[in-house]
N, C-alpha and C. Protein backbone atom coordinates (compact mmCIF):
# COMPACT_ATOMS: atom_id res chain seq x y z
N MET A 1 7.89 -6.66 4.24
CA MET A 1 7.32 -5.38 4.61
C MET A 1 7.19 -4.52 3.35
N ARG A 2 6.00 -4.06 3.06
CA ARG A 2 5.76 -3.24 1.87
C ARG A 2 5.97 -1.78 2.17
N LYS A 3 6.56 -1.12 1.21
CA LYS A 3 6.74 0.32 1.31
C LYS A 3 5.48 0.98 0.77
N GLU A 4 5.02 2.03 1.45
CA GLU A 4 3.83 2.74 0.98
C GLU A 4 4.15 3.49 -0.31
N VAL A 5 3.22 3.46 -1.23
CA VAL A 5 3.39 4.12 -2.52
C VAL A 5 3.16 5.61 -2.37
N SER A 6 4.08 6.40 -2.92
CA SER A 6 3.93 7.85 -2.86
C SER A 6 2.78 8.28 -3.75
N PHE A 7 2.24 9.44 -3.46
CA PHE A 7 1.11 9.95 -4.22
C PHE A 7 1.45 10.06 -5.70
N LYS A 8 2.67 10.52 -6.02
CA LYS A 8 3.04 10.72 -7.42
C LYS A 8 3.14 9.41 -8.19
N ASN A 9 3.33 8.28 -7.51
CA ASN A 9 3.43 6.98 -8.19
C ASN A 9 2.17 6.14 -8.07
N ARG A 10 1.19 6.62 -7.35
CA ARG A 10 -0.02 5.85 -7.10
C ARG A 10 -0.67 5.35 -8.39
N ASP A 11 -0.93 6.26 -9.32
CA ASP A 11 -1.60 5.87 -10.56
C ASP A 11 -0.74 4.93 -11.39
N ARG A 12 0.56 5.06 -11.31
CA ARG A 12 1.46 4.18 -12.06
C ARG A 12 1.33 2.74 -11.59
N PHE A 13 1.30 2.54 -10.28
CA PHE A 13 1.16 1.18 -9.76
C PHE A 13 -0.22 0.61 -10.08
N ILE A 14 -1.25 1.44 -10.00
CA ILE A 14 -2.60 0.98 -10.34
C ILE A 14 -2.65 0.56 -11.80
N GLN A 15 -2.12 1.38 -12.69
CA GLN A 15 -2.15 1.07 -14.13
C GLN A 15 -1.32 -0.17 -14.44
N LEU A 16 -0.20 -0.35 -13.76
CA LEU A 16 0.61 -1.54 -13.96
C LEU A 16 -0.16 -2.80 -13.53
N GLY A 17 -0.84 -2.71 -12.42
CA GLY A 17 -1.65 -3.84 -11.96
C GLY A 17 -2.76 -4.17 -12.94
N ILE A 18 -3.39 -3.15 -13.50
CA ILE A 18 -4.45 -3.38 -14.49
C ILE A 18 -3.87 -4.01 -15.75
N ALA A 19 -2.68 -3.57 -16.17
CA ALA A 19 -2.04 -4.16 -17.35
C ALA A 19 -1.72 -5.64 -17.11
N ILE A 20 -1.23 -5.97 -15.94
CA ILE A 20 -0.93 -7.37 -15.61
C ILE A 20 -2.21 -8.19 -15.62
N SER A 21 -3.24 -7.68 -14.99
CA SER A 21 -4.53 -8.37 -14.94
C SER A 21 -5.10 -8.59 -16.34
N SER A 22 -5.05 -7.56 -17.15
CA SER A 22 -5.60 -7.65 -18.51
C SER A 22 -4.87 -8.69 -19.34
N LEU A 23 -3.54 -8.66 -19.30
CA LEU A 23 -2.77 -9.63 -20.09
C LEU A 23 -2.98 -11.04 -19.56
N ARG A 24 -3.06 -11.18 -18.25
CA ARG A 24 -3.33 -12.50 -17.67
C ARG A 24 -4.65 -13.05 -18.21
N LYS A 25 -5.67 -12.23 -18.25
CA LYS A 25 -6.98 -12.67 -18.73
C LYS A 25 -6.95 -12.98 -20.22
N VAL A 26 -6.26 -12.15 -21.00
CA VAL A 26 -6.12 -12.41 -22.44
C VAL A 26 -5.43 -13.76 -22.67
N ARG A 27 -4.49 -14.08 -21.80
CA ARG A 27 -3.77 -15.35 -21.92
C ARG A 27 -4.57 -16.51 -21.36
N GLY A 28 -5.75 -16.24 -20.82
CA GLY A 28 -6.60 -17.31 -20.29
C GLY A 28 -6.07 -17.93 -19.00
N MET A 29 -5.37 -17.13 -18.23
CA MET A 29 -4.78 -17.64 -16.99
C MET A 29 -5.57 -17.16 -15.78
N SER A 30 -5.70 -18.01 -14.80
CA SER A 30 -6.28 -17.61 -13.52
C SER A 30 -5.19 -16.94 -12.69
N GLN A 31 -5.61 -16.26 -11.64
CA GLN A 31 -4.61 -15.69 -10.73
C GLN A 31 -3.75 -16.79 -10.13
N GLU A 32 -4.37 -17.90 -9.81
CA GLU A 32 -3.64 -19.02 -9.22
C GLU A 32 -2.54 -19.51 -10.16
N LYS A 33 -2.87 -19.67 -11.44
CA LYS A 33 -1.91 -20.17 -12.42
C LYS A 33 -0.76 -19.19 -12.63
N LEU A 34 -1.08 -17.90 -12.79
CA LEU A 34 -0.02 -16.91 -12.98
C LEU A 34 0.87 -16.83 -11.74
N ALA A 35 0.26 -16.82 -10.58
CA ALA A 35 1.05 -16.76 -9.34
C ALA A 35 1.98 -17.96 -9.24
N GLU A 36 1.47 -19.12 -9.57
CA GLU A 36 2.30 -20.34 -9.53
C GLU A 36 3.47 -20.24 -10.50
N LYS A 37 3.19 -19.82 -11.73
CA LYS A 37 4.26 -19.69 -12.73
C LYS A 37 5.28 -18.62 -12.33
N ALA A 38 4.83 -17.57 -11.65
CA ALA A 38 5.72 -16.48 -11.25
C ALA A 38 6.42 -16.76 -9.92
N GLY A 39 5.99 -17.79 -9.22
CA GLY A 39 6.60 -18.13 -7.94
C GLY A 39 6.24 -17.16 -6.82
N ILE A 40 5.02 -16.60 -6.91
CA ILE A 40 4.53 -15.70 -5.87
C ILE A 40 3.20 -16.24 -5.35
N SER A 41 2.71 -15.67 -4.28
CA SER A 41 1.42 -16.12 -3.75
C SER A 41 0.28 -15.50 -4.56
N ARG A 42 -0.83 -16.20 -4.59
CA ARG A 42 -2.01 -15.67 -5.26
C ARG A 42 -2.49 -14.40 -4.56
N SER A 43 -2.34 -14.34 -3.24
CA SER A 43 -2.78 -13.15 -2.52
C SER A 43 -1.94 -11.93 -2.90
N LEU A 44 -0.63 -12.10 -3.13
CA LEU A 44 0.19 -10.98 -3.58
C LEU A 44 -0.24 -10.53 -4.96
N LEU A 45 -0.49 -11.48 -5.86
CA LEU A 45 -0.94 -11.12 -7.20
C LEU A 45 -2.27 -10.38 -7.13
N SER A 46 -3.16 -10.83 -6.28
CA SER A 46 -4.45 -10.17 -6.11
C SER A 46 -4.27 -8.73 -5.65
N VAL A 47 -3.36 -8.50 -4.74
CA VAL A 47 -3.08 -7.14 -4.25
C VAL A 47 -2.51 -6.29 -5.38
N ILE A 48 -1.59 -6.84 -6.17
CA ILE A 48 -1.00 -6.11 -7.29
C ILE A 48 -2.06 -5.72 -8.30
N GLU A 49 -2.97 -6.64 -8.61
CA GLU A 49 -3.99 -6.41 -9.63
C GLU A 49 -5.18 -5.59 -9.15
N ALA A 50 -5.32 -5.36 -7.86
CA ALA A 50 -6.48 -4.64 -7.33
C ALA A 50 -6.57 -3.26 -7.99
N PRO A 51 -7.69 -2.97 -8.66
CA PRO A 51 -7.78 -1.76 -9.48
C PRO A 51 -7.91 -0.45 -8.72
N ASN A 52 -8.27 -0.48 -7.46
CA ASN A 52 -8.49 0.77 -6.73
C ASN A 52 -7.48 1.02 -5.63
N THR A 53 -6.44 0.21 -5.59
CA THR A 53 -5.41 0.41 -4.58
C THR A 53 -4.03 0.35 -5.22
N ALA A 54 -3.12 1.09 -4.67
CA ALA A 54 -1.74 1.10 -5.15
C ALA A 54 -0.86 0.41 -4.12
N ASN A 55 -0.23 -0.66 -4.52
CA ASN A 55 0.65 -1.39 -3.63
C ASN A 55 1.99 -1.59 -4.32
N SER A 56 3.05 -1.23 -3.63
CA SER A 56 4.37 -1.39 -4.24
C SER A 56 4.76 -2.86 -4.21
N PHE A 57 5.61 -3.22 -5.14
CA PHE A 57 6.19 -4.55 -5.15
C PHE A 57 7.55 -4.45 -5.80
N SER A 58 8.36 -5.46 -5.57
CA SER A 58 9.75 -5.39 -5.99
C SER A 58 9.92 -5.60 -7.50
N LEU A 59 11.06 -5.16 -7.98
CA LEU A 59 11.41 -5.41 -9.38
C LEU A 59 11.51 -6.91 -9.64
N GLU A 60 11.99 -7.65 -8.66
CA GLU A 60 12.09 -9.10 -8.82
C GLU A 60 10.71 -9.70 -9.10
N VAL A 61 9.70 -9.25 -8.39
CA VAL A 61 8.33 -9.73 -8.62
C VAL A 61 7.87 -9.32 -10.02
N LEU A 62 8.15 -8.08 -10.42
CA LEU A 62 7.79 -7.63 -11.77
C LEU A 62 8.45 -8.52 -12.82
N TYR A 63 9.74 -8.80 -12.64
CA TYR A 63 10.45 -9.68 -13.59
C TYR A 63 9.82 -11.07 -13.64
N ASP A 64 9.49 -11.61 -12.47
CA ASP A 64 8.90 -12.96 -12.40
C ASP A 64 7.53 -13.00 -13.07
N ILE A 65 6.73 -11.97 -12.86
CA ILE A 65 5.41 -11.90 -13.51
C ILE A 65 5.58 -11.77 -15.02
N ALA A 66 6.48 -10.91 -15.45
CA ALA A 66 6.72 -10.74 -16.88
C ALA A 66 7.17 -12.05 -17.52
N ASP A 67 8.09 -12.76 -16.88
CA ASP A 67 8.54 -14.06 -17.40
C ASP A 67 7.38 -15.04 -17.51
N ALA A 68 6.54 -15.06 -16.49
CA ALA A 68 5.40 -15.98 -16.48
C ALA A 68 4.40 -15.64 -17.59
N LEU A 69 4.29 -14.36 -17.92
CA LEU A 69 3.39 -13.92 -19.00
C LEU A 69 4.09 -13.92 -20.36
N GLU A 70 5.39 -14.25 -20.36
CA GLU A 70 6.20 -14.33 -21.58
C GLU A 70 6.28 -12.99 -22.32
N VAL A 71 6.51 -11.94 -21.53
CA VAL A 71 6.75 -10.60 -22.06
C VAL A 71 7.92 -10.00 -21.28
N THR A 72 8.40 -8.87 -21.75
CA THR A 72 9.45 -8.18 -20.99
C THR A 72 8.80 -7.29 -19.94
N PRO A 73 9.53 -6.98 -18.87
CA PRO A 73 9.00 -6.03 -17.90
C PRO A 73 8.64 -4.70 -18.57
N ALA A 74 9.44 -4.29 -19.55
CA ALA A 74 9.15 -3.05 -20.27
C ALA A 74 7.81 -3.12 -20.98
N ASP A 75 7.47 -4.29 -21.52
CA ASP A 75 6.16 -4.44 -22.17
C ASP A 75 5.03 -4.15 -21.18
N LEU A 76 5.16 -4.66 -19.97
CA LEU A 76 4.12 -4.41 -18.96
C LEU A 76 4.06 -2.95 -18.57
N ILE A 77 5.22 -2.34 -18.39
CA ILE A 77 5.25 -0.92 -18.02
C ILE A 77 4.70 -0.07 -19.14
N ASN A 78 5.12 -0.34 -20.37
CA ASN A 78 4.63 0.45 -21.51
C ASN A 78 3.13 0.27 -21.71
N ALA A 79 2.62 -0.92 -21.47
CA ALA A 79 1.19 -1.16 -21.62
C ALA A 79 0.39 -0.44 -20.56
N SER A 80 1.04 -0.11 -19.45
CA SER A 80 0.31 0.52 -18.35
C SER A 80 0.35 2.04 -18.40
N LEU A 81 1.08 2.60 -19.35
CA LEU A 81 1.22 4.05 -19.39
C LEU A 81 0.36 4.66 -20.48
N PHE A 82 -0.28 5.75 -20.14
CA PHE A 82 -1.00 6.53 -21.12
C PHE A 82 -0.09 7.67 -21.54
N SER A 83 -0.14 8.03 -22.79
CA SER A 83 0.70 9.14 -23.24
C SER A 83 0.23 10.44 -22.59
N ASP A 84 1.15 11.40 -22.52
CA ASP A 84 0.83 12.69 -21.89
C ASP A 84 -0.36 13.39 -22.56
N ASN A 85 -0.47 13.25 -23.88
CA ASN A 85 -1.59 13.93 -24.56
C ASN A 85 -2.93 13.32 -24.16
N ILE A 86 -2.95 12.07 -23.77
CA ILE A 86 -4.18 11.45 -23.29
C ILE A 86 -4.47 11.91 -21.85
N ILE A 87 -3.45 11.88 -21.02
CA ILE A 87 -3.62 12.26 -19.62
C ILE A 87 -4.00 13.71 -19.47
N ASN A 88 -3.37 14.57 -20.26
CA ASN A 88 -3.57 16.01 -20.12
C ASN A 88 -4.68 16.58 -20.98
N LYS A 89 -5.41 15.72 -21.68
CA LYS A 89 -6.48 16.19 -22.55
C LYS A 89 -7.58 16.85 -21.71
N LYS A 90 -7.96 18.00 -22.13
CA LYS A 90 -9.02 18.75 -21.44
C LYS A 90 -10.38 18.19 -21.87
N HIS A 91 -11.25 18.04 -20.92
CA HIS A 91 -12.60 17.59 -21.21
C HIS A 91 -13.52 18.78 -21.33
N ASP A 92 -14.34 18.76 -22.33
CA ASP A 92 -15.28 19.88 -22.53
C ASP A 92 -16.51 19.74 -21.68
């Protein structure tokens, strides 16, 4: 059973999914291959990577994906965050 993502964390989950998707593609891996290496279903990975939806997932899944991509979970989180000066930049 998935917990609904709160509004304040919505963008964080979306950005994390995009970071996972981007690194997977850079590594030349299909969703099927990454899911297999991480021990999760391809459909769960697809939900995590979906760019317009925020879906929560467990830390265990994050650790498994990070291991499969041969990075630390912190690397994935850091890659998914924009600095405050980027987020808060005013557009003219």
